[in-house]
Amino acid sequence: QVQLVESGGGLVQAGGSLKLSCVVFGRSFSDYVMGWFRQAPGKEREFVAVISKSGATTKYADSVKGRFTISRDVAANSVHLQMSSLKPDDTSAYYCAAEHAGLGTHYDDTWTPSLPADFGSWGQGTQVTVSS
């Protein structure tokens, strides 16, 4: 397991941009698949984006495709979510998630899970509020 610390949330007007960051504390960052999820009050946690352990493969929810970009910085043990053209519907708490996919697992570099149950480590969340 690793520890995850998110930052970068805040209040932004519709059409604006924000960049979320998640620093990963622990060993072998490159062995972890990294994801972003969000959860609004009264709703279930939903998938936003995921990036494979090498960064070669990414996947996005249809609702954010073309507007959000996930990336990873191996030197900084970090994963980022660049959000553009934000809408009020994007208002939510955003969570970073990690799952080990390295030695000892059967996952290859194409594995890009999208269910909350697929991830074993979670950050504390950062709030994003988009005003209309």
Foldseek 3Di string as FASTA:
>chain_A
DWAKAKDWADEAAQQAKTKMKIAIGDPDLLQKKKFKWWDAPPGDIFGAKIAFSNRPDMDGDPVQPPFWDWGADPVRNMIMIIGGSDDQVPWTWMKMFIDGRDPPHPDDRHDTDTDPVRTDYMYPTDTHGYHD
